[in-house]
């Protein structure tokens, strides 16, 4: 039996909810106040048998607050636990290397992930990312800078990119 914990907090852009393991690894997260938006994103092999709400998730909640306050690097230290096939797992690791304030195109992201012709697979990695923010899929945009899709809404993606650009420019 595995127990995971979840919490929702207010952020400047929208409510943010995270689901974490007992040892603090993020299983799923995003800008929603509905836990049911997140649980289907958790890989079957990692799905907890029980979810318990907590007011605070310790280091994960602290990282969310600090990120939204301008400490963009704080999310890099948060452990994430996602699993899928070899390409997706690798692609999610690569996403964590995309610097804030320096978004990449889906084409560039596919190349960074080692499969330059696999632009659709790279886009799929973004779409299937369960740990938004900590695996910053919002940093991938279309050629020409158009937003592209984002599970939590284009307005949230636009806010995140502008927030990161402002913080990096300081």
N, C-alpha and C. Protein backbone atom coordinates (compact mmCIF):
# COMPACT_ATOMS: atom_id res chain seq x y z
N UNK A 1 0.84 -1.19 0.00
CA UNK A 1 0.00 0.00 0.00
C UNK A 1 0.89 1.24 0.00
N UNK A 2 0.67 2.12 -0.94
CA UNK A 2 1.44 3.36 -0.97
C UNK A 2 0.50 4.54 -0.74
N UNK A 3 0.96 5.43 0.10
CA UNK A 3 0.19 6.62 0.42
C UNK A 3 0.91 7.81 -0.21
N UNK A 4 0.14 8.69 -0.84
CA UNK A 4 0.67 9.94 -1.36
C UNK A 4 -0.13 11.07 -0.73
N UNK A 5 0.45 12.24 -0.78
CA UNK A 5 -0.15 13.41 -0.14
C UNK A 5 -0.35 14.50 -1.18
N UNK A 6 -1.38 15.31 -0.99
CA UNK A 6 -1.63 16.39 -1.93
C UNK A 6 -2.01 17.65 -1.17
N UNK A 7 -1.77 18.76 -1.84
CA UNK A 7 -2.09 20.06 -1.27
C UNK A 7 -2.32 21.05 -2.40
N UNK A 8 -3.20 21.99 -2.15
CA UNK A 8 -3.46 23.08 -3.09
C UNK A 8 -3.07 24.38 -2.43
N UNK A 9 -2.39 25.24 -3.18
CA UNK A 9 -2.03 26.56 -2.66
C UNK A 9 -2.35 27.61 -3.70
N UNK A 10 -2.58 28.80 -3.22
CA UNK A 10 -2.81 29.91 -4.14
C UNK A 10 -1.48 30.39 -4.70
N UNK A 11 -1.48 30.75 -5.98
CA UNK A 11 -0.32 31.37 -6.62
C UNK A 11 -0.83 32.60 -7.36
N UNK A 12 0.05 33.46 -7.80
CA UNK A 12 -0.39 34.67 -8.51
C UNK A 12 -1.15 34.39 -9.81
N UNK A 13 -0.96 33.22 -10.38
CA UNK A 13 -1.57 32.94 -11.68
C UNK A 13 -2.83 32.08 -11.57
N UNK A 14 -2.84 31.12 -10.63
CA UNK A 14 -3.98 30.21 -10.45
C UNK A 14 -3.67 29.30 -9.27
N UNK A 15 -4.68 28.61 -8.72
CA UNK A 15 -4.39 27.63 -7.68
C UNK A 15 -3.44 26.56 -8.22
N UNK A 16 -2.55 26.08 -7.38
CA UNK A 16 -1.57 25.06 -7.79
C UNK A 16 -1.70 23.88 -6.84
N UNK A 17 -1.81 22.69 -7.41
CA UNK A 17 -1.93 21.47 -6.61
C UNK A 17 -0.79 20.54 -6.97
N UNK A 18 -0.25 19.88 -5.95
CA UNK A 18 0.80 18.88 -6.15
C UNK A 18 0.44 17.61 -5.40
N UNK A 19 0.85 16.48 -5.98
CA UNK A 19 0.72 15.17 -5.35
C UNK A 19 2.13 14.65 -5.16
N UNK A 20 2.48 14.28 -3.92
CA UNK A 20 3.84 13.83 -3.63
C UNK A 20 3.82 12.49 -2.90
N UNK A 21 4.89 11.75 -3.08
CA UNK A 21 5.07 10.49 -2.38
C UNK A 21 5.42 10.76 -0.92
N UNK A 22 5.44 9.72 -0.13
CA UNK A 22 5.81 9.86 1.27
C UNK A 22 7.22 10.40 1.46
N UNK A 23 8.10 10.13 0.50
CA UNK A 23 9.47 10.64 0.61
C UNK A 23 9.65 11.98 -0.12
N UNK A 24 8.55 12.59 -0.57
CA UNK A 24 8.60 13.95 -1.10
C UNK A 24 8.79 14.11 -2.59
N UNK A 25 8.77 13.04 -3.36
CA UNK A 25 8.91 13.16 -4.82
C UNK A 25 7.55 13.53 -5.44
N UNK A 26 7.58 14.45 -6.38
CA UNK A 26 6.36 14.89 -7.05
C UNK A 26 5.91 13.81 -8.05
N UNK A 27 4.66 13.40 -7.92
CA UNK A 27 4.05 12.47 -8.88
C UNK A 27 3.25 13.22 -9.94
N UNK A 28 2.62 14.30 -9.52
CA UNK A 28 1.80 15.10 -10.44
C UNK A 28 1.63 16.49 -9.85
N UNK A 29 1.49 17.47 -10.73
CA UNK A 29 1.30 18.84 -10.27
C UNK A 29 0.77 19.69 -11.41
N UNK A 30 0.09 20.78 -11.05
CA UNK A 30 -0.41 21.70 -12.05
C UNK A 30 -1.28 22.77 -11.46
N UNK A 31 -1.64 23.73 -12.29
CA UNK A 31 -2.42 24.89 -11.87
C UNK A 31 -3.89 24.56 -11.90
N UNK A 32 -4.33 23.90 -10.85
CA UNK A 32 -5.72 23.48 -10.67
C UNK A 32 -5.98 23.34 -9.18
N UNK A 33 -7.22 23.42 -8.79
CA UNK A 33 -7.58 23.15 -7.40
C UNK A 33 -8.28 21.80 -7.27
N UNK A 34 -8.38 21.07 -8.37
CA UNK A 34 -9.10 19.80 -8.40
C UNK A 34 -8.12 18.63 -8.50
N UNK A 35 -8.00 17.88 -7.44
CA UNK A 35 -7.09 16.72 -7.42
C UNK A 35 -7.42 15.73 -8.54
N UNK A 36 -8.67 15.68 -8.94
CA UNK A 36 -9.08 14.76 -10.02
C UNK A 36 -8.51 15.16 -11.38
N UNK A 37 -8.02 16.39 -11.52
CA UNK A 37 -7.33 16.79 -12.75
C UNK A 37 -5.93 16.17 -12.81
N UNK A 38 -5.38 15.81 -11.66
CA UNK A 38 -4.00 15.33 -11.59
C UNK A 38 -3.87 13.81 -11.54
N UNK A 39 -4.71 13.16 -10.79
CA UNK A 39 -4.51 11.72 -10.56
C UNK A 39 -4.50 10.88 -11.84
N UNK A 40 -5.27 11.21 -12.88
CA UNK A 40 -5.18 10.40 -14.10
C UNK A 40 -3.84 10.53 -14.81
N UNK A 41 -3.07 11.56 -14.48
CA UNK A 41 -1.77 11.78 -15.13
C UNK A 41 -0.66 10.92 -14.52
N UNK A 42 -0.90 10.36 -13.35
CA UNK A 42 0.12 9.55 -12.69
C UNK A 42 0.21 8.19 -13.38
N UNK A 43 1.42 7.76 -13.72
CA UNK A 43 1.61 6.46 -14.37
C UNK A 43 1.05 5.35 -13.50
N UNK A 44 0.46 4.36 -14.14
CA UNK A 44 -0.18 3.26 -13.41
C UNK A 44 0.77 2.62 -12.40
N UNK A 45 2.03 2.45 -12.79
CA UNK A 45 3.00 1.81 -11.89
C UNK A 45 3.30 2.65 -10.65
N UNK A 46 2.98 3.94 -10.69
CA UNK A 46 3.26 4.84 -9.58
C UNK A 46 2.01 5.29 -8.83
N UNK A 47 0.85 4.86 -9.28
CA UNK A 47 -0.40 5.32 -8.69
C UNK A 47 -0.50 4.87 -7.23
N UNK A 48 -0.68 5.83 -6.33
CA UNK A 48 -0.81 5.47 -4.91
C UNK A 48 -2.15 4.79 -4.64
N UNK A 49 -2.17 3.98 -3.60
CA UNK A 49 -3.43 3.32 -3.22
C UNK A 49 -4.29 4.22 -2.35
N UNK A 50 -3.67 5.25 -1.78
CA UNK A 50 -4.40 6.18 -0.94
C UNK A 50 -3.83 7.59 -1.11
N UNK A 51 -4.72 8.57 -1.15
CA UNK A 51 -4.32 9.98 -1.21
C UNK A 51 -4.83 10.68 0.05
N UNK A 52 -3.95 11.44 0.67
CA UNK A 52 -4.34 12.19 1.86
C UNK A 52 -4.00 13.66 1.65
N UNK A 53 -4.94 14.51 2.00
CA UNK A 53 -4.71 15.94 1.87
C UNK A 53 -3.89 16.45 3.05
N UNK A 54 -2.97 17.35 2.73
CA UNK A 54 -2.18 18.04 3.75
C UNK A 54 -2.23 19.53 3.46
N UNK A 55 -2.10 20.32 4.49
CA UNK A 55 -2.07 21.77 4.30
C UNK A 55 -0.79 22.20 3.60
N UNK A 56 0.31 21.50 3.87
CA UNK A 56 1.62 21.88 3.36
C UNK A 56 2.41 20.62 3.01
N UNK A 57 3.15 20.68 1.91
CA UNK A 57 3.96 19.53 1.48
C UNK A 57 5.45 19.77 1.71
N UNK A 58 5.77 20.57 2.70
CA UNK A 58 7.16 20.81 3.07
C UNK A 58 7.96 21.44 1.94
N UNK A 59 9.07 20.80 1.55
CA UNK A 59 9.95 21.37 0.52
C UNK A 59 9.24 21.63 -0.82
N UNK A 60 8.26 20.83 -1.18
CA UNK A 60 7.56 21.05 -2.45
C UNK A 60 6.73 22.33 -2.37
N UNK A 61 5.98 22.50 -1.30
CA UNK A 61 5.20 23.74 -1.14
C UNK A 61 6.12 24.95 -1.07
N UNK A 62 7.22 24.81 -0.36
CA UNK A 62 8.17 25.92 -0.26
C UNK A 62 8.72 26.27 -1.64
N UNK A 63 9.03 25.27 -2.45
CA UNK A 63 9.56 25.52 -3.80
C UNK A 63 8.52 26.23 -4.67
N UNK A 64 7.27 25.84 -4.57
CA UNK A 64 6.21 26.49 -5.36
C UNK A 64 6.11 27.96 -4.97
N UNK A 65 6.11 28.24 -3.67
CA UNK A 65 6.04 29.64 -3.22
C UNK A 65 7.24 30.43 -3.70
N UNK A 66 8.44 29.88 -3.55
CA UNK A 66 9.66 30.58 -3.93
C UNK A 66 9.72 30.81 -5.44
N UNK A 67 9.33 29.82 -6.23
CA UNK A 67 9.32 29.98 -7.68
C UNK A 67 8.42 31.15 -8.07
N UNK A 68 7.20 31.17 -7.57
CA UNK A 68 6.26 32.22 -7.93
C UNK A 68 6.71 33.58 -7.40
N UNK A 69 7.59 33.58 -6.37
CA UNK A 69 8.14 34.84 -5.85
C UNK A 69 9.39 35.28 -6.60
N UNK A 70 9.87 34.44 -7.54
CA UNK A 70 11.00 34.85 -8.37
C UNK A 70 12.25 34.00 -8.28
N UNK A 71 12.31 33.02 -7.37
CA UNK A 71 13.46 32.12 -7.27
C UNK A 71 13.24 30.95 -8.23
N UNK A 72 13.59 31.14 -9.49
CA UNK A 72 13.27 30.16 -10.53
C UNK A 72 14.04 28.86 -10.40
N UNK A 73 15.24 28.90 -9.86
CA UNK A 73 16.08 27.70 -9.78
C UNK A 73 15.62 26.72 -8.72
N UNK A 74 14.77 27.15 -7.80
CA UNK A 74 14.37 26.30 -6.68
C UNK A 74 13.67 25.02 -7.15
N UNK A 75 13.02 25.05 -8.29
CA UNK A 75 12.30 23.85 -8.76
C UNK A 75 13.26 22.75 -9.22
N UNK A 76 14.50 23.13 -9.54
CA UNK A 76 15.48 22.16 -10.03
C UNK A 76 15.85 21.12 -8.98
N UNK A 77 15.71 21.47 -7.71
CA UNK A 77 16.11 20.58 -6.62
C UNK A 77 15.00 19.65 -6.16
N UNK A 78 13.81 19.80 -6.70
CA UNK A 78 12.67 18.97 -6.30
C UNK A 78 12.70 17.66 -7.09
N UNK A 79 12.65 16.55 -6.37
CA UNK A 79 12.63 15.25 -7.04
C UNK A 79 11.27 15.02 -7.68
N UNK A 80 11.30 14.47 -8.89
CA UNK A 80 10.10 14.14 -9.64
C UNK A 80 10.15 12.65 -9.93
N UNK A 81 9.00 12.00 -9.86
CA UNK A 81 8.92 10.59 -10.20
C UNK A 81 7.85 10.39 -11.27
N UNK A 82 8.32 10.16 -12.50
CA UNK A 82 7.45 9.84 -13.63
C UNK A 82 8.07 8.64 -14.34
N UNK A 83 7.24 7.86 -14.98
CA UNK A 83 7.76 6.73 -15.73
C UNK A 83 6.93 6.53 -16.99
N UNK A 84 7.62 6.10 -18.03
CA UNK A 84 6.97 5.77 -19.29
C UNK A 84 8.01 5.03 -20.12
N UNK A 85 7.87 5.10 -21.42
CA UNK A 85 8.85 4.48 -22.28
C UNK A 85 10.17 5.23 -22.24
N UNK A 86 11.16 4.66 -22.88
CA UNK A 86 12.51 5.22 -22.85
C UNK A 86 12.56 6.67 -23.36
N UNK A 87 11.92 6.94 -24.50
CA UNK A 87 12.00 8.29 -25.05
C UNK A 87 11.32 9.31 -24.14
N UNK A 88 10.10 9.03 -23.68
CA UNK A 88 9.40 10.00 -22.84
C UNK A 88 10.15 10.27 -21.55
N UNK A 89 10.64 9.23 -20.92
CA UNK A 89 11.38 9.40 -19.66
C UNK A 89 12.61 10.28 -19.90
N UNK A 90 13.33 10.02 -20.97
CA UNK A 90 14.50 10.83 -21.31
C UNK A 90 14.08 12.26 -21.65
N UNK A 91 13.02 12.41 -22.43
CA UNK A 91 12.56 13.73 -22.83
C UNK A 91 12.17 14.57 -21.61
N UNK A 92 11.56 13.96 -20.60
CA UNK A 92 11.21 14.70 -19.39
C UNK A 92 12.47 15.15 -18.64
N UNK A 93 13.48 14.30 -18.64
CA UNK A 93 14.76 14.69 -18.01
C UNK A 93 15.37 15.88 -18.76
N UNK A 94 15.29 15.85 -20.07
CA UNK A 94 15.83 16.94 -20.89
C UNK A 94 15.07 18.24 -20.61
N UNK A 95 13.75 18.16 -20.44
CA UNK A 95 12.97 19.36 -20.15
C UNK A 95 13.49 20.08 -18.92
N UNK A 96 13.99 19.33 -17.97
CA UNK A 96 14.49 19.94 -16.73
C UNK A 96 15.78 20.72 -16.95
N UNK A 97 16.37 20.59 -18.15
CA UNK A 97 17.60 21.32 -18.45
C UNK A 97 17.33 22.60 -19.24
N UNK A 98 16.09 22.81 -19.68
CA UNK A 98 15.76 24.02 -20.42
C UNK A 98 15.74 25.19 -19.43
N UNK A 99 16.56 26.18 -19.69
CA UNK A 99 16.74 27.29 -18.75
C UNK A 99 15.53 28.21 -18.72
N UNK A 100 15.20 28.72 -17.55
CA UNK A 100 14.12 29.72 -17.47
C UNK A 100 14.50 30.97 -18.25
N UNK A 101 13.49 31.56 -18.88
CA UNK A 101 13.74 32.76 -19.67
C UNK A 101 14.31 32.49 -21.05
N UNK A 102 14.52 31.22 -21.36
CA UNK A 102 15.09 30.84 -22.66
C UNK A 102 14.27 29.70 -23.27
N UNK A 103 13.00 29.95 -23.58
CA UNK A 103 12.17 28.88 -24.14
C UNK A 103 12.76 28.33 -25.44
N UNK A 104 12.45 27.08 -25.71
CA UNK A 104 12.90 26.42 -26.94
C UNK A 104 11.68 26.05 -27.76
N UNK A 105 11.88 25.85 -29.06
CA UNK A 105 10.78 25.40 -29.91
C UNK A 105 10.64 23.89 -29.76
N UNK A 106 9.51 23.38 -30.20
CA UNK A 106 9.30 21.93 -30.18
C UNK A 106 10.37 21.24 -31.02
N UNK A 107 10.77 21.87 -32.13
CA UNK A 107 11.82 21.32 -32.99
C UNK A 107 13.15 21.26 -32.22
N UNK A 108 13.49 22.35 -31.54
CA UNK A 108 14.72 22.38 -30.75
C UNK A 108 14.68 21.35 -29.62
N UNK A 109 13.52 21.24 -29.00
CA UNK A 109 13.35 20.28 -27.90
C UNK A 109 13.55 18.85 -28.40
N UNK A 110 13.00 18.53 -29.58
CA UNK A 110 13.20 17.19 -30.14
C UNK A 110 14.68 16.93 -30.36
N UNK A 111 15.41 17.93 -30.86
CA UNK A 111 16.85 17.78 -31.08
C UNK A 111 17.59 17.60 -29.75
N UNK A 112 17.22 18.38 -28.75
CA UNK A 112 17.85 18.24 -27.43
C UNK A 112 17.62 16.85 -26.85
N UNK A 113 16.46 16.29 -27.15
CA UNK A 113 16.12 14.95 -26.65
C UNK A 113 16.77 13.84 -27.49
N UNK A 114 17.52 14.24 -28.51
CA UNK A 114 18.26 13.25 -29.30
C UNK A 114 17.52 12.70 -30.50
N UNK A 115 16.35 13.24 -30.81
CA UNK A 115 15.58 12.76 -31.96
C UNK A 115 15.04 13.96 -32.74
N UNK A 116 15.91 14.63 -33.51
CA UNK A 116 15.52 15.87 -34.18
C UNK A 116 14.31 15.75 -35.10
N UNK A 117 14.06 14.59 -35.65
CA UNK A 117 12.92 14.42 -36.55
C UNK A 117 11.63 14.12 -35.79
N UNK A 118 11.72 13.91 -34.50
CA UNK A 118 10.57 13.48 -33.70
C UNK A 118 9.87 14.65 -33.02
N UNK A 119 9.50 15.65 -33.79
CA UNK A 119 8.87 16.84 -33.22
C UNK A 119 7.54 16.48 -32.57
N UNK A 120 6.75 15.62 -33.19
CA UNK A 120 5.47 15.21 -32.60
C UNK A 120 5.68 14.43 -31.31
N UNK A 121 6.70 13.59 -31.27
CA UNK A 121 6.99 12.85 -30.04
C UNK A 121 7.41 13.80 -28.92
N UNK A 122 8.15 14.84 -29.27
CA UNK A 122 8.55 15.84 -28.28
C UNK A 122 7.31 16.58 -27.76
N UNK A 123 6.41 16.94 -28.65
CA UNK A 123 5.17 17.59 -28.24
C UNK A 123 4.35 16.67 -27.34
N UNK A 124 4.35 15.38 -27.67
CA UNK A 124 3.64 14.40 -26.84
C UNK A 124 4.26 14.30 -25.45
N UNK A 125 5.58 14.41 -25.35
CA UNK A 125 6.24 14.38 -24.05
C UNK A 125 5.75 15.55 -23.20
N UNK A 126 5.60 16.72 -23.82
CA UNK A 126 5.07 17.88 -23.09
C UNK A 126 3.63 17.61 -22.64
N UNK A 127 2.83 17.10 -23.55
CA UNK A 127 1.41 16.87 -23.25
C UNK A 127 1.22 15.81 -22.17
N UNK A 128 2.12 14.84 -22.09
CA UNK A 128 1.98 13.74 -21.13
C UNK A 128 2.74 13.98 -19.83
N UNK A 129 3.38 15.12 -19.71
CA UNK A 129 4.12 15.46 -18.50
C UNK A 129 3.16 15.65 -17.33
N UNK A 130 3.29 14.83 -16.30
CA UNK A 130 2.40 14.92 -15.14
C UNK A 130 2.87 15.95 -14.13
N UNK A 131 4.15 16.31 -14.15
CA UNK A 131 4.74 17.14 -13.09
C UNK A 131 5.02 18.56 -13.58
N UNK A 132 3.98 19.23 -14.05
CA UNK A 132 4.15 20.61 -14.54
C UNK A 132 4.82 21.46 -13.48
N UNK A 133 5.54 22.42 -13.90
CA UNK A 133 6.41 23.33 -13.16
C UNK A 133 7.75 22.66 -12.88
N UNK A 134 7.76 21.53 -12.22
CA UNK A 134 9.01 20.86 -11.86
C UNK A 134 9.68 20.23 -13.08
N UNK A 135 8.88 19.83 -14.04
CA UNK A 135 9.35 19.44 -15.37
C UNK A 135 8.73 20.50 -16.29
N UNK A 136 9.47 21.55 -16.57
CA UNK A 136 8.90 22.78 -17.13
C UNK A 136 8.54 22.74 -18.62
N UNK A 137 7.51 21.99 -18.92
CA UNK A 137 7.06 21.89 -20.31
C UNK A 137 6.54 23.22 -20.84
N UNK A 138 6.23 24.15 -19.95
CA UNK A 138 5.78 25.47 -20.40
C UNK A 138 6.89 26.22 -21.14
N UNK A 139 8.13 25.77 -21.04
CA UNK A 139 9.26 26.43 -21.70
C UNK A 139 9.44 25.99 -23.15
N UNK A 140 8.48 25.24 -23.68
CA UNK A 140 8.54 24.81 -25.08
C UNK A 140 7.42 25.52 -25.83
N UNK A 141 7.79 26.18 -26.93
CA UNK A 141 6.85 26.97 -27.72
C UNK A 141 6.94 26.57 -29.19
N UNK A 142 6.02 27.06 -29.96
CA UNK A 142 6.04 26.81 -31.41
C UNK A 142 7.10 27.69 -32.08
N UNK A 143 7.49 27.28 -33.28
CA UNK A 143 8.40 28.10 -34.09
C UNK A 143 7.74 29.47 -34.26
N UNK A 144 8.50 30.52 -34.08
CA UNK A 144 7.96 31.88 -34.17
C UNK A 144 7.48 32.41 -32.83
N UNK A 145 7.52 31.57 -31.79
CA UNK A 145 7.17 32.02 -30.45
C UNK A 145 5.72 31.86 -30.03
N UNK A 146 4.87 31.32 -30.91
CA UNK A 146 3.47 31.09 -30.52
C UNK A 146 3.43 30.11 -29.35
N UNK A 147 2.46 30.26 -28.49
CA UNK A 147 2.40 29.49 -27.26
C UNK A 147 2.29 27.98 -27.46
N UNK A 148 1.49 27.54 -28.38
CA UNK A 148 1.21 26.11 -28.47
C UNK A 148 0.26 25.75 -27.34
N UNK A 149 0.04 24.48 -27.12
CA UNK A 149 -0.88 24.05 -26.09
C UNK A 149 -0.24 23.99 -24.71
N UNK A 150 -1.09 23.89 -23.70
CA UNK A 150 -0.64 23.72 -22.32
C UNK A 150 -1.84 23.22 -21.53
N UNK A 151 -1.67 22.10 -20.85
CA UNK A 151 -2.78 21.48 -20.12
C UNK A 151 -3.47 22.48 -19.18
N UNK A 152 -2.74 23.39 -18.62
CA UNK A 152 -3.29 24.30 -17.61
C UNK A 152 -3.73 25.63 -18.21
N UNK A 153 -3.75 25.71 -19.53
CA UNK A 153 -4.26 26.90 -20.22
C UNK A 153 -3.14 27.77 -20.76
N UNK A 154 -3.39 28.32 -21.92
CA UNK A 154 -2.41 29.19 -22.57
C UNK A 154 -2.14 30.44 -21.74
N UNK A 155 -3.15 30.95 -21.04
CA UNK A 155 -2.93 32.13 -20.20
C UNK A 155 -1.94 31.85 -19.08
N UNK A 156 -2.01 30.66 -18.50
CA UNK A 156 -1.05 30.27 -17.46
C UNK A 156 0.34 30.15 -18.07
N UNK A 157 0.45 29.51 -19.22
CA UNK A 157 1.74 29.37 -19.89
C UNK A 157 2.33 30.74 -20.21
N UNK A 158 1.53 31.63 -20.73
CA UNK A 158 1.99 32.98 -21.06
C UNK A 158 2.49 33.68 -19.79
N UNK A 159 1.76 33.57 -18.69
CA UNK A 159 2.17 34.18 -17.43
C UNK A 159 3.50 33.61 -16.96
N UNK A 160 3.65 32.28 -17.02
CA UNK A 160 4.89 31.64 -16.56
C UNK A 160 6.09 32.11 -17.37
N UNK A 161 5.94 32.16 -18.68
CA UNK A 161 7.04 32.61 -19.53
C UNK A 161 7.39 34.07 -19.27
N UNK A 162 6.39 34.91 -19.09
CA UNK A 162 6.64 36.32 -18.79
C UNK A 162 7.28 36.47 -17.41
N UNK A 163 6.83 35.71 -16.44
CA UNK A 163 7.39 35.71 -15.09
C UNK A 163 8.87 35.34 -15.13
N UNK A 164 9.19 34.29 -15.87
CA UNK A 164 10.58 33.85 -15.95
C UNK A 164 11.43 34.89 -16.68
N UNK A 165 10.89 35.47 -17.73
CA UNK A 165 11.65 36.50 -18.46
C UNK A 165 11.95 37.69 -17.56
N UNK A 166 10.94 38.13 -16.79
CA UNK A 166 11.14 39.25 -15.86
C UNK A 166 12.20 38.92 -14.81
N UNK A 167 12.13 37.72 -14.25
CA UNK A 167 13.05 37.34 -13.18
C UNK A 167 14.48 37.17 -13.68
N UNK A 168 14.64 36.65 -14.88
CA UNK A 168 15.97 36.47 -15.46
C UNK A 168 16.57 37.83 -15.81
N UNK A 169 15.75 38.77 -16.22
CA UNK A 169 16.23 40.10 -16.63
C UNK A 169 16.71 40.94 -15.44
N UNK A 170 16.31 40.55 -14.22
CA UNK A 170 16.70 41.33 -13.03
C UNK A 170 18.18 41.33 -12.81
